[in-house]
Amino acid sequence: MITAFPTQQKLLSLFDYRDGVLYWKESKQKRDITQPAGHLCATHGYVFIRLDGVLYRSHRLIWCMFYGYEPFEIDHINRNRSDNRIENLREVSRSQNNYNHPVRADNKSGHRNVSWHTKTKKWRVVITANKKTHFIGQFEDFELASLVAEEARAKYHRIST
């Protein structure tokens, strides 16, 4: 059964928003209105709130409370999934959301878009944007490669805030 996302009006009647945290307006059953609504999921890092038997990510409810709709993708600008302050949230496309992911666990260089090229014995900078791969260059100096990668991300991964 598919449940419709709650309306802005319903969310505003149920919750108070304070600095990125939702609080229930009314105390029902075991709810304590002095404590934040929902719970932090240690596995995913998101705050989840159960509403009418359905689990919702808190940041999606907050977005709807402010803007009146649920976008397809919401990005946490500072990459902290539990920081749901409205100024830390922005609507993005799926690819834009992927641009802001942290360094992958299997990344050996420790920096996004920088990898060691064994044949040339240099640091390689490659970036993908809008389904196109851009070879930026190869560098002997790791710090320079990291800086170039950061500049390339700023150029190719433009995200409006």
Protein backbone atom coordinates (compact mmCIF):
# COMPACT_ATOMS: atom_id res chain seq x y z
CA MET A 1 0.00 0.00 0.00
CA ILE A 2 1.41 3.37 -1.01
CA THR A 3 0.83 6.17 1.48
CA ALA A 4 0.63 9.76 0.28
CA PHE A 5 3.28 12.08 1.69
CA PRO A 6 1.82 14.30 4.45
CA THR A 7 0.73 17.78 3.42
CA GLN A 8 2.41 20.96 4.60
CA GLN A 9 -0.73 21.86 6.54
CA LYS A 10 -0.76 18.51 8.37
CA LEU A 11 2.95 18.73 9.22
CA LEU A 12 2.59 22.28 10.54
CA SER A 13 -0.29 21.16 12.75
CA LEU A 14 1.71 18.21 14.16
CA PHE A 15 5.22 19.59 14.63
CA ASP A 16 7.18 22.55 15.91
CA TYR A 17 10.48 23.18 14.11
CA ARG A 18 13.40 24.42 16.20
CA ASP A 19 16.88 24.71 14.68
CA GLY A 20 16.69 21.59 12.53
CA VAL A 21 14.73 19.46 15.01
CA LEU A 22 11.04 18.58 15.01
CA TYR A 23 9.01 18.41 18.23
CA TRP A 24 5.50 17.05 18.55
CA LYS A 25 2.94 19.74 19.37
CA GLU A 26 0.69 17.33 21.24
CA SER A 27 1.52 14.58 23.69
CA LYS A 28 -0.11 11.25 22.78
CA GLN A 29 0.58 7.83 24.25
CA LYS A 30 4.29 7.77 25.14
CA ARG A 31 5.27 10.97 23.31
CA ASP A 32 7.23 13.51 25.31
CA ILE A 33 6.77 16.92 23.66
CA THR A 34 9.91 18.21 25.39
CA GLN A 35 12.07 15.67 23.51
CA PRO A 36 12.85 15.70 19.77
CA ALA A 37 10.46 13.65 17.64
CA GLY A 38 11.83 10.50 16.06
CA HIS A 39 15.12 8.72 16.47
CA LEU A 40 18.59 8.77 14.95
CA CYS A 41 19.37 5.62 12.97
CA ALA A 42 23.00 4.75 13.69
CA THR A 43 23.26 2.67 10.51
CA HIS A 44 22.14 5.36 8.07
CA GLY A 45 22.78 8.55 10.03
CA TYR A 46 19.31 9.96 9.30
CA VAL A 47 16.68 10.99 11.83
CA PHE A 48 13.48 8.99 11.26
CA ILE A 49 9.99 9.89 12.47
CA ARG A 50 7.04 7.49 12.50
CA LEU A 51 3.83 9.19 11.39
CA ASP A 52 0.59 7.24 10.94
CA GLY A 53 2.57 3.98 10.94
CA VAL A 54 5.01 5.12 8.23
CA LEU A 55 8.68 6.00 8.78
CA TYR A 56 9.80 9.30 7.23
CA ARG A 57 13.20 10.93 7.15
CA SER A 58 13.00 14.06 9.24
CA HIS A 59 14.71 16.28 6.65
CA ARG A 60 12.00 15.46 4.08
CA LEU A 61 9.27 16.47 6.55
CA ILE A 62 11.13 19.68 7.39
CA TRP A 63 11.52 20.56 3.71
CA CYS A 64 7.80 20.07 3.14
CA MET A 65 6.96 22.18 6.19
CA PHE A 66 8.95 25.10 4.73
CA TYR A 67 8.26 24.75 1.00
CA GLY A 68 5.01 22.80 0.74
CA TYR A 69 6.21 19.87 -1.36
CA GLU A 70 8.48 16.83 -1.27
CA PRO A 71 11.30 17.05 -3.81
CA PHE A 72 12.83 13.97 -5.42
CA GLU A 73 16.29 14.60 -3.88
CA ILE A 74 17.43 16.68 -0.90
CA ASP A 75 21.11 17.22 -0.15
CA HIS A 76 22.66 17.92 3.24
CA ILE A 77 25.17 20.61 2.29
CA ASN A 78 27.61 19.81 5.12
CA ARG A 79 27.20 16.03 4.53
CA ASN A 80 25.91 15.50 8.08
CA ARG A 81 22.70 13.48 7.60
CA SER A 82 21.41 14.34 11.07
CA ASP A 83 21.88 18.13 10.61
CA ASN A 84 18.40 19.01 9.40
CA ARG A 85 18.54 22.79 9.72
CA ILE A 86 16.67 24.20 6.74
CA GLU A 87 19.72 26.26 5.72
CA ASN A 88 21.69 22.98 5.45
CA LEU A 89 19.18 21.45 3.03
CA ARG A 90 18.90 22.04 -0.71
CA GLU A 91 16.93 20.51 -3.55
CA VAL A 92 19.20 18.79 -6.08
CA SER A 93 19.11 16.26 -8.89
CA ARG A 94 20.30 12.70 -8.25
CA SER A 95 23.67 13.37 -9.91
CA GLN A 96 24.14 16.62 -7.96
CA ASN A 97 23.41 14.74 -4.74
CA ASN A 98 26.09 12.21 -5.67
CA TYR A 99 28.63 15.03 -6.13
CA ASN A 100 28.43 15.80 -2.42
CA HIS A 101 29.06 12.26 -1.20
CA PRO A 102 31.96 11.74 1.19
CA VAL A 103 35.11 9.91 0.14
CA ARG A 104 34.35 6.24 -0.51
CA ALA A 105 35.70 3.67 1.93
CA ASP A 106 37.69 1.95 -0.83
CA ASN A 107 39.36 5.20 -1.95
CA LYS A 108 43.11 4.73 -1.43
CA SER A 109 44.17 8.35 -1.95
CA GLY A 110 41.79 9.74 0.66
CA HIS A 111 40.61 12.48 -1.74
CA ARG A 112 37.71 12.44 -4.16
CA ASN A 113 38.60 12.32 -7.87
CA VAL A 114 42.30 11.63 -7.18
CA SER A 115 43.86 8.24 -7.86
CA TRP A 116 47.34 6.80 -8.36
CA HIS A 117 48.12 5.81 -11.95
CA THR A 118 50.58 2.92 -11.80
CA LYS A 119 51.87 3.13 -15.37
CA THR A 120 52.85 6.80 -15.26
CA LYS A 121 53.62 6.82 -11.50
CA LYS A 122 51.57 10.02 -11.13
CA TRP A 123 48.40 11.17 -9.41
CA ARG A 124 45.50 11.28 -11.86
CA VAL A 125 42.49 13.61 -11.57
CA VAL A 126 39.31 12.41 -13.28
CA ILE A 127 35.86 13.86 -12.68
CA THR A 128 32.42 12.83 -13.94
CA ALA A 129 29.70 15.41 -14.45
CA ASN A 130 26.46 15.25 -16.41
CA LYS A 131 27.23 11.68 -17.50
CA LYS A 132 30.56 12.75 -19.05
CA THR A 133 34.00 11.81 -17.77
CA HIS A 134 36.59 14.61 -17.79
CA PHE A 135 40.28 13.73 -17.62
CA ILE A 136 41.78 16.75 -15.86
CA GLY A 137 45.43 15.73 -15.75
CA GLN A 138 48.25 13.85 -14.05
CA PHE A 139 50.48 15.31 -11.36
CA GLU A 140 53.62 14.25 -9.55
CA ASP A 141 52.59 16.20 -6.46
CA PHE A 142 49.64 14.79 -4.49
CA GLU A 143 48.70 18.13 -2.90
CA LEU A 144 48.56 19.77 -6.33
CA ALA A 145 46.38 16.94 -7.66
CA SER A 146 44.02 17.35 -4.68
CA LEU A 147 43.79 21.10 -5.23
CA VAL A 148 43.13 20.66 -8.96
CA ALA A 149 40.43 18.07 -8.17
CA GLU A 150 38.76 20.50 -5.77
CA GLU A 151 38.79 23.25 -8.41
CA ALA A 152 37.42 20.84 -11.02
CA ARG A 153 34.56 19.86 -8.70
CA ALA A 154 33.74 23.55 -8.19
CA LYS A 155 33.71 24.05 -11.97
CA TYR A 156 31.83 20.93 -13.08
CA HIS A 157 29.60 20.27 -10.06
CA ARG A 158 27.82 23.59 -9.85
CA ILE A 159 24.98 23.30 -7.38
CA SER A 160 22.80 26.27 -6.58
CA THR A 161 22.19 26.81 -2.88
